[in-house]
Amino acid sequence: MFISNAYAQAPAAAADGSSLMSLLPLVLMFVVLYFIMIRPQMKRQKEHKSMVDALAKGDEVVTGGGLLGKVTKVGDNYLSLEVAAGVEVQCQRSSVVQVLPKGSIK
């Protein structure tokens, strides 16, 4: 008697242009994300893979754990590093972070 009935309203019709404009910020965000984060990371991965593939006996390298050594044996997945006179350790090829110039390790 005192309370009137509440009826659902019909949804407003969306125009084609406004729905496209509402997706534009999302698309723009993904494009910026690609050029700021994804593309440089892929470039670094490609450079690291080419560096690891080019490792050869006699290269002086730094591993991810901080070991400096001279490559004595190169295998498919592993390599041997001479870290001191007569001391060799094995590590994964992918753990090599940097190849040093010849004569850096004394």
N, C-alpha and C. Protein backbone atom coordinates (compact mmCIF):
# COMPACT_ATOMS: atom_id res chain seq x y z
N MET A 1 0.81 -1.17 0.00
CA MET A 1 0.00 0.00 0.00
C MET A 1 0.86 1.26 0.00
N PHE A 2 1.84 1.37 0.95
CA PHE A 2 2.72 2.53 0.96
C PHE A 2 3.96 2.35 0.09
N ILE A 3 4.28 1.10 -0.21
CA ILE A 3 5.49 0.81 -1.00
C ILE A 3 5.06 0.49 -2.41
N SER A 4 5.68 1.19 -3.36
CA SER A 4 5.33 0.93 -4.75
C SER A 4 6.20 -0.21 -5.29
N ASN A 5 5.74 -0.85 -6.33
CA ASN A 5 6.46 -1.96 -6.93
C ASN A 5 7.69 -1.44 -7.69
N ALA A 6 8.80 -2.19 -7.63
CA ALA A 6 10.03 -1.82 -8.35
C ALA A 6 10.17 -2.76 -9.54
N TYR A 7 10.34 -2.20 -10.71
CA TYR A 7 10.47 -2.97 -11.92
C TYR A 7 11.88 -2.79 -12.50
N ALA A 8 12.42 -3.84 -13.12
CA ALA A 8 13.75 -3.77 -13.72
C ALA A 8 13.68 -2.90 -14.96
N GLN A 9 14.75 -2.13 -15.14
CA GLN A 9 14.81 -1.26 -16.32
C GLN A 9 15.46 -2.01 -17.47
N ALA A 10 15.12 -1.66 -18.65
CA ALA A 10 15.73 -2.27 -19.83
C ALA A 10 17.15 -1.74 -19.98
N PRO A 11 18.10 -2.62 -20.36
CA PRO A 11 19.48 -2.14 -20.52
C PRO A 11 19.60 -1.16 -21.68
N ALA A 12 20.51 -0.22 -21.51
CA ALA A 12 20.74 0.78 -22.56
C ALA A 12 21.48 0.13 -23.72
N ALA A 13 21.11 0.45 -24.92
CA ALA A 13 21.75 -0.11 -26.11
C ALA A 13 23.12 0.54 -26.30
N ALA A 14 24.15 -0.28 -26.46
CA ALA A 14 25.50 0.23 -26.64
C ALA A 14 25.76 0.48 -28.12
N ALA A 15 26.36 1.60 -28.40
CA ALA A 15 26.70 1.92 -29.78
C ALA A 15 27.98 1.20 -30.16
N ASP A 16 28.18 0.89 -31.45
CA ASP A 16 29.37 0.17 -31.90
C ASP A 16 30.63 0.98 -31.64
N GLY A 17 30.61 2.24 -31.83
CA GLY A 17 31.79 3.09 -31.65
C GLY A 17 32.22 3.16 -30.20
N SER A 18 31.29 3.21 -29.29
CA SER A 18 31.65 3.32 -27.88
C SER A 18 32.24 2.02 -27.35
N SER A 19 31.80 0.87 -27.84
CA SER A 19 32.38 -0.39 -27.38
C SER A 19 33.81 -0.54 -27.90
N LEU A 20 34.06 -0.06 -29.11
CA LEU A 20 35.42 -0.10 -29.65
C LEU A 20 36.33 0.86 -28.89
N MET A 21 35.80 2.00 -28.54
CA MET A 21 36.59 2.99 -27.80
C MET A 21 36.88 2.52 -26.38
N SER A 22 36.01 1.69 -25.81
CA SER A 22 36.26 1.19 -24.46
C SER A 22 37.36 0.13 -24.47
N LEU A 23 37.58 -0.56 -25.59
CA LEU A 23 38.65 -1.55 -25.69
C LEU A 23 39.99 -0.94 -26.06
N LEU A 24 39.99 0.27 -26.55
CA LEU A 24 41.23 0.92 -26.99
C LEU A 24 42.27 1.05 -25.88
N PRO A 25 41.93 1.48 -24.66
CA PRO A 25 42.96 1.54 -23.60
C PRO A 25 43.57 0.18 -23.27
N LEU A 26 42.75 -0.86 -23.30
CA LEU A 26 43.26 -2.20 -23.02
C LEU A 26 44.24 -2.66 -24.09
N VAL A 27 43.89 -2.44 -25.34
CA VAL A 27 44.78 -2.80 -26.45
C VAL A 27 46.06 -1.98 -26.39
N LEU A 28 45.93 -0.70 -26.10
CA LEU A 28 47.11 0.17 -25.99
C LEU A 28 48.02 -0.28 -24.85
N MET A 29 47.44 -0.74 -23.75
CA MET A 29 48.24 -1.22 -22.62
C MET A 29 49.04 -2.46 -23.00
N PHE A 30 48.45 -3.38 -23.74
CA PHE A 30 49.16 -4.58 -24.17
C PHE A 30 50.27 -4.25 -25.17
N VAL A 31 50.06 -3.29 -26.03
CA VAL A 31 51.09 -2.89 -26.98
C VAL A 31 52.28 -2.28 -26.24
N VAL A 32 52.00 -1.41 -25.29
CA VAL A 32 53.09 -0.80 -24.51
C VAL A 32 53.81 -1.88 -23.69
N LEU A 33 53.08 -2.80 -23.10
CA LEU A 33 53.68 -3.89 -22.33
C LEU A 33 54.61 -4.73 -23.21
N TYR A 34 54.21 -4.98 -24.44
CA TYR A 34 55.04 -5.76 -25.36
C TYR A 34 56.36 -5.05 -25.63
N PHE A 35 56.30 -3.76 -25.94
CA PHE A 35 57.52 -3.05 -26.30
C PHE A 35 58.39 -2.70 -25.09
N ILE A 36 57.81 -2.59 -23.91
CA ILE A 36 58.59 -2.24 -22.72
C ILE A 36 59.17 -3.47 -22.03
N MET A 37 58.42 -4.57 -21.97
CA MET A 37 58.88 -5.72 -21.19
C MET A 37 59.17 -6.97 -22.02
N ILE A 38 58.27 -7.37 -22.86
CA ILE A 38 58.39 -8.67 -23.52
C ILE A 38 59.48 -8.67 -24.58
N ARG A 39 59.50 -7.68 -25.44
CA ARG A 39 60.48 -7.64 -26.53
C ARG A 39 61.92 -7.56 -26.04
N PRO A 40 62.26 -6.67 -25.06
CA PRO A 40 63.65 -6.66 -24.56
C PRO A 40 64.05 -7.98 -23.89
N GLN A 41 63.11 -8.62 -23.19
CA GLN A 41 63.43 -9.90 -22.56
C GLN A 41 63.74 -10.97 -23.60
N MET A 42 62.99 -11.00 -24.67
CA MET A 42 63.25 -11.96 -25.74
C MET A 42 64.60 -11.69 -26.39
N LYS A 43 64.97 -10.43 -26.52
CA LYS A 43 66.26 -10.07 -27.10
C LYS A 43 67.40 -10.55 -26.20
N ARG A 44 67.26 -10.35 -24.87
CA ARG A 44 68.29 -10.81 -23.93
C ARG A 44 68.42 -12.33 -23.96
N GLN A 45 67.30 -13.04 -24.04
CA GLN A 45 67.34 -14.50 -24.11
C GLN A 45 68.05 -14.97 -25.36
N LYS A 46 67.82 -14.31 -26.46
CA LYS A 46 68.46 -14.68 -27.73
C LYS A 46 69.96 -14.44 -27.65
N GLU A 47 70.39 -13.30 -27.07
CA GLU A 47 71.81 -13.02 -26.92
C GLU A 47 72.48 -14.04 -26.00
N HIS A 48 71.81 -14.41 -24.89
CA HIS A 48 72.39 -15.37 -23.96
C HIS A 48 72.52 -16.75 -24.62
N LYS A 49 71.52 -17.15 -25.39
CA LYS A 49 71.58 -18.45 -26.07
C LYS A 49 72.73 -18.48 -27.07
N SER A 50 72.92 -17.40 -27.83
CA SER A 50 74.02 -17.38 -28.79
C SER A 50 75.37 -17.38 -28.09
N MET A 51 75.48 -16.71 -26.92
CA MET A 51 76.73 -16.71 -26.16
C MET A 51 77.03 -18.12 -25.63
N VAL A 52 76.02 -18.80 -25.11
CA VAL A 52 76.22 -20.15 -24.57
C VAL A 52 76.56 -21.12 -25.68
N ASP A 53 75.95 -20.97 -26.83
CA ASP A 53 76.25 -21.86 -27.95
C ASP A 53 77.66 -21.64 -28.49
N ALA A 54 78.21 -20.45 -28.31
CA ALA A 54 79.54 -20.14 -28.84
C ALA A 54 80.67 -20.45 -27.85
N LEU A 55 80.36 -21.01 -26.69
CA LEU A 55 81.41 -21.33 -25.71
C LEU A 55 82.36 -22.37 -26.28
N ALA A 56 83.64 -22.15 -26.04
CA ALA A 56 84.65 -23.07 -26.54
C ALA A 56 85.72 -23.28 -25.46
N LYS A 57 86.53 -24.28 -25.67
CA LYS A 57 87.61 -24.58 -24.73
C LYS A 57 88.58 -23.39 -24.70
N GLY A 58 88.95 -22.98 -23.48
CA GLY A 58 89.88 -21.87 -23.31
C GLY A 58 89.20 -20.55 -22.99
N ASP A 59 87.88 -20.46 -23.12
CA ASP A 59 87.16 -19.23 -22.76
C ASP A 59 87.18 -19.05 -21.26
N GLU A 60 87.26 -17.82 -20.82
CA GLU A 60 87.18 -17.49 -19.40
C GLU A 60 85.78 -16.94 -19.15
N VAL A 61 85.08 -17.55 -18.17
CA VAL A 61 83.67 -17.24 -17.97
C VAL A 61 83.36 -16.97 -16.50
N VAL A 62 82.19 -16.36 -16.29
CA VAL A 62 81.62 -16.16 -14.95
C VAL A 62 80.30 -16.90 -14.93
N THR A 63 80.06 -17.69 -13.87
CA THR A 63 78.80 -18.42 -13.76
C THR A 63 77.81 -17.61 -12.94
N GLY A 64 76.57 -18.09 -12.91
CA GLY A 64 75.52 -17.43 -12.15
C GLY A 64 75.80 -17.44 -10.65
N GLY A 65 76.55 -18.40 -10.17
CA GLY A 65 76.91 -18.47 -8.76
C GLY A 65 78.11 -17.63 -8.40
N GLY A 66 78.74 -17.00 -9.38
CA GLY A 66 79.88 -16.14 -9.11
C GLY A 66 81.23 -16.79 -9.31
N LEU A 67 81.27 -18.03 -9.78
CA LEU A 67 82.55 -18.69 -10.02
C LEU A 67 83.20 -18.14 -11.29
N LEU A 68 84.49 -17.88 -11.20
CA LEU A 68 85.27 -17.50 -12.37
C LEU A 68 86.14 -18.70 -12.73
N GLY A 69 86.18 -19.02 -14.00
CA GLY A 69 86.99 -20.15 -14.40
C GLY A 69 87.25 -20.18 -15.88
N LYS A 70 88.14 -21.10 -16.24
CA LYS A 70 88.52 -21.29 -17.64
C LYS A 70 87.89 -22.59 -18.12
N VAL A 71 87.24 -22.56 -19.26
CA VAL A 71 86.56 -23.74 -19.80
C VAL A 71 87.61 -24.74 -20.26
N THR A 72 87.52 -25.99 -19.74
CA THR A 72 88.46 -27.03 -20.15
C THR A 72 87.79 -28.09 -21.02
N LYS A 73 86.52 -28.38 -20.77
CA LYS A 73 85.78 -29.35 -21.58
C LYS A 73 84.39 -28.79 -21.85
N VAL A 74 83.91 -29.03 -23.06
CA VAL A 74 82.57 -28.56 -23.43
C VAL A 74 81.75 -29.75 -23.89
N GLY A 75 80.61 -29.94 -23.24
CA GLY A 75 79.68 -31.00 -23.64
C GLY A 75 78.39 -30.39 -24.16
N ASP A 76 77.40 -31.24 -24.39
CA ASP A 76 76.12 -30.75 -24.88
C ASP A 76 75.41 -29.88 -23.84
N ASN A 77 75.34 -30.36 -22.60
CA ASN A 77 74.63 -29.64 -21.55
C ASN A 77 75.54 -29.13 -20.44
N TYR A 78 76.71 -29.73 -20.30
CA TYR A 78 77.61 -29.39 -19.21
C TYR A 78 78.96 -28.96 -19.75
N LEU A 79 79.69 -28.22 -18.91
CA LEU A 79 81.07 -27.89 -19.24
C LEU A 79 81.89 -27.95 -17.97
N SER A 80 83.20 -28.15 -18.14
CA SER A 80 84.12 -28.21 -17.01
C SER A 80 84.87 -26.90 -16.93
N LEU A 81 84.94 -26.37 -15.72
CA LEU A 81 85.67 -25.13 -15.49
C LEU A 81 86.86 -25.40 -14.59
N GLU A 82 88.00 -24.84 -14.93
CA GLU A 82 89.16 -24.90 -14.05
C GLU A 82 89.15 -23.62 -13.24
N VAL A 83 88.83 -23.75 -11.93
CA VAL A 83 88.73 -22.58 -11.07
C VAL A 83 90.03 -22.27 -10.36
N ALA A 84 90.91 -23.25 -10.24
CA ALA A 84 92.24 -23.08 -9.67
C ALA A 84 93.14 -24.13 -10.32
N ALA A 85 94.42 -24.04 -10.06
CA ALA A 85 95.35 -25.00 -10.66
C ALA A 85 95.01 -26.41 -10.19
N GLY A 86 94.58 -27.24 -11.12
CA GLY A 86 94.25 -28.63 -10.80
C GLY A 86 92.87 -28.84 -10.22
N VAL A 87 92.06 -27.80 -10.09
CA VAL A 87 90.71 -27.92 -9.53
C VAL A 87 89.70 -27.64 -10.64
N GLU A 88 88.91 -28.68 -10.96
CA GLU A 88 87.89 -28.52 -12.00
C GLU A 88 86.52 -28.78 -11.41
N VAL A 89 85.55 -28.01 -11.85
CA VAL A 89 84.16 -28.21 -11.46
C VAL A 89 83.32 -28.31 -12.73
N GLN A 90 82.22 -29.03 -12.61
CA GLN A 90 81.30 -29.11 -13.74
C GLN A 90 80.09 -28.22 -13.46
N CYS A 91 79.60 -27.57 -14.48
CA CYS A 91 78.40 -26.75 -14.35
C CYS A 91 77.60 -26.83 -15.65
N GLN A 92 76.37 -26.40 -15.57
CA GLN A 92 75.53 -26.39 -16.76
C GLN A 92 75.94 -25.24 -17.66
N ARG A 93 75.80 -25.45 -18.94
CA ARG A 93 76.15 -24.40 -19.90
C ARG A 93 75.29 -23.16 -19.70
N SER A 94 74.02 -23.37 -19.36
CA SER A 94 73.12 -22.23 -19.21
C SER A 94 73.41 -21.38 -17.99
N SER A 95 74.25 -21.88 -17.06
CA SER A 95 74.58 -21.10 -15.87
C SER A 95 75.66 -20.06 -16.14
N VAL A 96 76.27 -20.09 -17.32
CA VAL A 96 77.29 -19.10 -17.66
C VAL A 96 76.59 -17.77 -17.93
N VAL A 97 77.06 -16.74 -17.24
CA VAL A 97 76.44 -15.42 -17.34
C VAL A 97 77.22 -14.50 -18.28
N GLN A 98 78.55 -14.63 -18.25
CA GLN A 98 79.37 -13.70 -19.01
C GLN A 98 80.65 -14.38 -19.46
N VAL A 99 81.09 -14.04 -20.64
CA VAL A 99 82.39 -14.48 -21.14
C VAL A 99 83.35 -13.32 -20.98
N LEU A 100 84.45 -13.57 -20.27
CA LEU A 100 85.43 -12.51 -19.99
C LEU A 100 86.46 -12.44 -21.10
N PRO A 101 87.12 -11.30 -21.24
CA PRO A 101 88.23 -11.21 -22.19
C PRO A 101 89.37 -12.13 -21.77
N LYS A 102 90.14 -12.59 -22.75
CA LYS A 102 91.26 -13.49 -22.46
C LYS A 102 92.26 -12.80 -21.54
N GLY A 103 92.75 -13.55 -20.55
CA GLY A 103 93.74 -13.02 -19.62
C GLY A 103 93.14 -12.31 -18.43
N SER A 104 91.83 -12.33 -18.26
CA SER A 104 91.20 -11.66 -17.11
C SER A 104 91.46 -12.40 -15.80
N ILE A 105 91.51 -13.72 -15.88
CA ILE A 105 91.73 -14.55 -14.68
C ILE A 105 93.20 -14.86 -14.60
N LYS A 106 93.79 -14.57 -13.45
CA LYS A 106 95.23 -14.83 -13.28
C LYS A 106 95.48 -15.77 -12.15
